[in-house]
Amino acid sequence: MAADLELRPAEPDDLDAILSLMRASLGVGSIPRERRFWEWKHERNPFGRSPMLVACAGQELVGMRVFMRWEWVSGGCA
């Protein structure tokens, strides 16, 4: 039987588990999987904080989805 999943907005206390899940699922790669980079990219983004959802099975964070904010310009360069 599949475990029950709880889907909810991410909370600041989830960050260590989010980074651990990223390292486990994506490996090291060329993009840093570190707190400083994450905070710069998703919390101090000039277009606003990235909305985030997490999936938990019991007390374990098992999934996440992040929607990074962007601003698109139409008709050429800004």
N, C-alpha and C. Protein backbone atom coordinates (compact mmCIF):
# COMPACT_ATOMS: atom_id res chain seq x y z
N MET A 1 0.85 -1.17 0.00
CA MET A 1 0.00 0.00 0.00
C MET A 1 0.90 1.24 0.00
N ALA A 2 0.55 2.23 -0.79
CA ALA A 2 1.32 3.47 -0.86
C ALA A 2 1.12 4.28 0.41
N ALA A 3 2.18 4.95 0.82
CA ALA A 3 2.09 5.80 2.00
C ALA A 3 1.24 7.03 1.69
N ASP A 4 0.54 7.51 2.69
CA ASP A 4 -0.22 8.74 2.52
C ASP A 4 0.74 9.90 2.41
N LEU A 5 0.47 10.78 1.46
CA LEU A 5 1.30 11.96 1.28
C LEU A 5 0.55 13.20 1.73
N GLU A 6 1.26 14.08 2.37
CA GLU A 6 0.72 15.39 2.71
C GLU A 6 1.38 16.40 1.79
N LEU A 7 0.59 17.15 1.05
CA LEU A 7 1.09 18.23 0.20
C LEU A 7 0.79 19.54 0.91
N ARG A 8 1.82 20.40 1.01
CA ARG A 8 1.64 21.66 1.71
C ARG A 8 2.66 22.68 1.23
N PRO A 9 2.42 23.97 1.50
CA PRO A 9 3.43 24.97 1.19
C PRO A 9 4.69 24.70 2.01
N ALA A 10 5.84 24.94 1.41
CA ALA A 10 7.11 24.79 2.13
C ALA A 10 7.21 25.86 3.22
N GLU A 11 7.87 25.48 4.28
CA GLU A 11 8.12 26.39 5.40
C GLU A 11 9.63 26.59 5.54
N PRO A 12 10.06 27.69 6.15
CA PRO A 12 11.50 27.92 6.31
C PRO A 12 12.24 26.74 6.95
N ASP A 13 11.61 26.05 7.88
CA ASP A 13 12.25 24.92 8.55
C ASP A 13 12.45 23.71 7.63
N ASP A 14 11.88 23.73 6.43
CA ASP A 14 12.01 22.63 5.48
C ASP A 14 13.30 22.70 4.66
N LEU A 15 14.01 23.82 4.71
CA LEU A 15 15.12 24.04 3.78
C LEU A 15 16.20 22.97 3.86
N ASP A 16 16.61 22.55 5.04
CA ASP A 16 17.65 21.51 5.13
C ASP A 16 17.19 20.22 4.45
N ALA A 17 15.94 19.83 4.67
CA ALA A 17 15.41 18.62 4.04
C ALA A 17 15.28 18.80 2.53
N ILE A 18 14.91 19.98 2.08
CA ILE A 18 14.82 20.26 0.63
C ILE A 18 16.20 20.11 -0.01
N LEU A 19 17.21 20.72 0.58
CA LEU A 19 18.56 20.64 0.03
C LEU A 19 19.09 19.21 0.05
N SER A 20 18.79 18.47 1.11
CA SER A 20 19.20 17.06 1.20
C SER A 20 18.53 16.24 0.10
N LEU A 21 17.24 16.45 -0.13
CA LEU A 21 16.52 15.75 -1.19
C LEU A 21 17.10 16.08 -2.56
N MET A 22 17.44 17.35 -2.78
CA MET A 22 18.04 17.75 -4.06
C MET A 22 19.37 17.05 -4.28
N ARG A 23 20.21 17.02 -3.25
CA ARG A 23 21.51 16.36 -3.38
C ARG A 23 21.34 14.85 -3.67
N ALA A 24 20.38 14.23 -2.97
CA ALA A 24 20.16 12.80 -3.15
C ALA A 24 19.60 12.48 -4.54
N SER A 25 18.73 13.33 -5.05
CA SER A 25 18.07 13.02 -6.32
C SER A 25 18.80 13.57 -7.54
N LEU A 26 19.51 14.70 -7.38
CA LEU A 26 20.15 15.34 -8.52
C LEU A 26 21.67 15.25 -8.51
N GLY A 27 22.23 14.82 -7.40
CA GLY A 27 23.68 14.75 -7.30
C GLY A 27 24.30 16.12 -7.11
N VAL A 28 25.60 16.17 -7.26
CA VAL A 28 26.32 17.43 -7.03
C VAL A 28 26.06 18.40 -8.17
N GLY A 29 26.35 18.04 -9.39
CA GLY A 29 26.09 18.89 -10.55
C GLY A 29 26.87 20.19 -10.53
N SER A 30 26.55 21.07 -11.46
CA SER A 30 27.24 22.35 -11.54
C SER A 30 26.51 23.46 -10.79
N ILE A 31 25.27 23.22 -10.40
CA ILE A 31 24.50 24.21 -9.64
C ILE A 31 24.65 23.88 -8.17
N PRO A 32 25.12 24.85 -7.37
CA PRO A 32 25.31 24.57 -5.93
C PRO A 32 24.00 24.17 -5.26
N ARG A 33 24.07 23.15 -4.44
CA ARG A 33 22.92 22.71 -3.65
C ARG A 33 23.17 23.10 -2.20
N GLU A 34 23.40 24.40 -2.01
CA GLU A 34 23.76 24.94 -0.71
C GLU A 34 22.79 26.03 -0.30
N ARG A 35 22.69 26.22 1.00
CA ARG A 35 21.76 27.20 1.59
C ARG A 35 21.96 28.60 1.00
N ARG A 36 23.18 29.10 0.93
CA ARG A 36 23.42 30.47 0.44
C ARG A 36 22.88 30.66 -0.98
N PHE A 37 23.16 29.72 -1.86
CA PHE A 37 22.70 29.83 -3.25
C PHE A 37 21.18 29.76 -3.31
N TRP A 38 20.60 28.81 -2.57
CA TRP A 38 19.15 28.66 -2.55
C TRP A 38 18.48 29.95 -2.08
N GLU A 39 18.95 30.51 -0.98
CA GLU A 39 18.35 31.74 -0.44
C GLU A 39 18.47 32.89 -1.43
N TRP A 40 19.62 32.99 -2.11
CA TRP A 40 19.79 34.05 -3.11
C TRP A 40 18.81 33.84 -4.27
N LYS A 41 18.69 32.62 -4.76
CA LYS A 41 17.88 32.34 -5.94
C LYS A 41 16.39 32.37 -5.67
N HIS A 42 15.95 31.85 -4.51
CA HIS A 42 14.53 31.67 -4.28
C HIS A 42 13.92 32.57 -3.22
N GLU A 43 14.73 33.16 -2.37
CA GLU A 43 14.16 34.02 -1.33
C GLU A 43 14.48 35.50 -1.55
N ARG A 44 15.63 35.78 -2.16
CA ARG A 44 16.00 37.18 -2.41
C ARG A 44 15.93 37.52 -3.90
N ASN A 45 15.18 36.76 -4.64
CA ASN A 45 14.99 36.99 -6.06
C ASN A 45 14.37 38.37 -6.25
N PRO A 46 14.91 39.20 -7.15
CA PRO A 46 14.34 40.54 -7.35
C PRO A 46 12.88 40.54 -7.82
N PHE A 47 12.40 39.40 -8.35
CA PHE A 47 11.01 39.32 -8.81
C PHE A 47 10.08 38.76 -7.75
N GLY A 48 10.62 38.42 -6.59
CA GLY A 48 9.80 37.91 -5.50
C GLY A 48 10.20 36.50 -5.10
N ARG A 49 9.80 36.11 -3.92
CA ARG A 49 10.09 34.79 -3.38
C ARG A 49 9.43 33.72 -4.24
N SER A 50 10.12 32.62 -4.45
CA SER A 50 9.59 31.51 -5.24
C SER A 50 8.54 30.74 -4.44
N PRO A 51 7.33 30.59 -4.97
CA PRO A 51 6.35 29.72 -4.31
C PRO A 51 6.86 28.28 -4.33
N MET A 52 6.69 27.57 -3.21
CA MET A 52 7.20 26.20 -3.09
C MET A 52 6.18 25.29 -2.43
N LEU A 53 6.09 24.08 -2.93
CA LEU A 53 5.26 23.03 -2.33
C LEU A 53 6.16 21.86 -1.97
N VAL A 54 5.82 21.18 -0.89
CA VAL A 54 6.54 19.97 -0.51
C VAL A 54 5.55 18.83 -0.31
N ALA A 55 6.05 17.61 -0.48
CA ALA A 55 5.28 16.40 -0.21
C ALA A 55 5.97 15.66 0.93
N CYS A 56 5.20 15.29 1.93
CA CYS A 56 5.75 14.59 3.09
C CYS A 56 5.04 13.25 3.26
N ALA A 57 5.84 12.22 3.57
CA ALA A 57 5.31 10.91 3.95
C ALA A 57 5.67 10.74 5.42
N GLY A 58 4.69 10.92 6.26
CA GLY A 58 4.98 10.95 7.70
C GLY A 58 5.81 12.18 8.00
N GLN A 59 6.95 11.98 8.64
CA GLN A 59 7.84 13.08 8.99
C GLN A 59 8.92 13.34 7.93
N GLU A 60 8.92 12.54 6.85
CA GLU A 60 9.98 12.64 5.84
C GLU A 60 9.52 13.44 4.63
N LEU A 61 10.32 14.43 4.24
CA LEU A 61 10.07 15.20 3.02
C LEU A 61 10.52 14.34 1.84
N VAL A 62 9.59 14.02 0.93
CA VAL A 62 9.88 13.10 -0.16
C VAL A 62 9.72 13.73 -1.55
N GLY A 63 9.27 14.96 -1.61
CA GLY A 63 9.10 15.61 -2.89
C GLY A 63 8.97 17.11 -2.72
N MET A 64 9.22 17.83 -3.80
CA MET A 64 9.12 19.29 -3.76
C MET A 64 8.88 19.83 -5.16
N ARG A 65 8.33 21.02 -5.21
CA ARG A 65 8.14 21.73 -6.49
C ARG A 65 8.32 23.20 -6.20
N VAL A 66 9.18 23.83 -6.97
CA VAL A 66 9.48 25.26 -6.79
C VAL A 66 9.13 25.98 -8.09
N PHE A 67 8.48 27.11 -7.96
CA PHE A 67 8.07 27.93 -9.11
C PHE A 67 8.84 29.25 -9.04
N MET A 68 9.98 29.31 -9.71
CA MET A 68 10.80 30.52 -9.67
C MET A 68 10.12 31.63 -10.45
N ARG A 69 10.10 32.80 -9.84
CA ARG A 69 9.48 33.96 -10.48
C ARG A 69 10.42 34.56 -11.53
N TRP A 70 9.83 34.97 -12.65
CA TRP A 70 10.55 35.60 -13.76
C TRP A 70 9.76 36.78 -14.24
N GLU A 71 10.41 37.66 -14.92
CA GLU A 71 9.72 38.76 -15.60
C GLU A 71 10.10 38.68 -17.07
N TRP A 72 9.09 38.56 -17.92
CA TRP A 72 9.33 38.43 -19.35
C TRP A 72 9.12 39.79 -20.02
N VAL A 73 9.95 40.07 -21.00
CA VAL A 73 9.86 41.32 -21.76
C VAL A 73 9.50 40.97 -23.19
N SER A 74 8.50 41.63 -23.72
CA SER A 74 8.07 41.39 -25.09
C SER A 74 8.58 42.51 -25.99
N GLY A 75 8.99 42.15 -27.19
CA GLY A 75 9.40 43.16 -28.17
C GLY A 75 10.84 43.56 -28.10
N GLY A 76 11.72 42.71 -27.63
CA GLY A 76 13.14 43.02 -27.63
C GLY A 76 13.72 43.13 -26.24
N CYS A 77 14.88 43.64 -26.19
CA CYS A 77 15.61 43.78 -24.92
C CYS A 77 15.10 44.96 -24.11
N ALA A 78 15.18 44.82 -22.83
CA ALA A 78 14.72 45.90 -21.93
C ALA A 78 15.80 46.96 -21.81
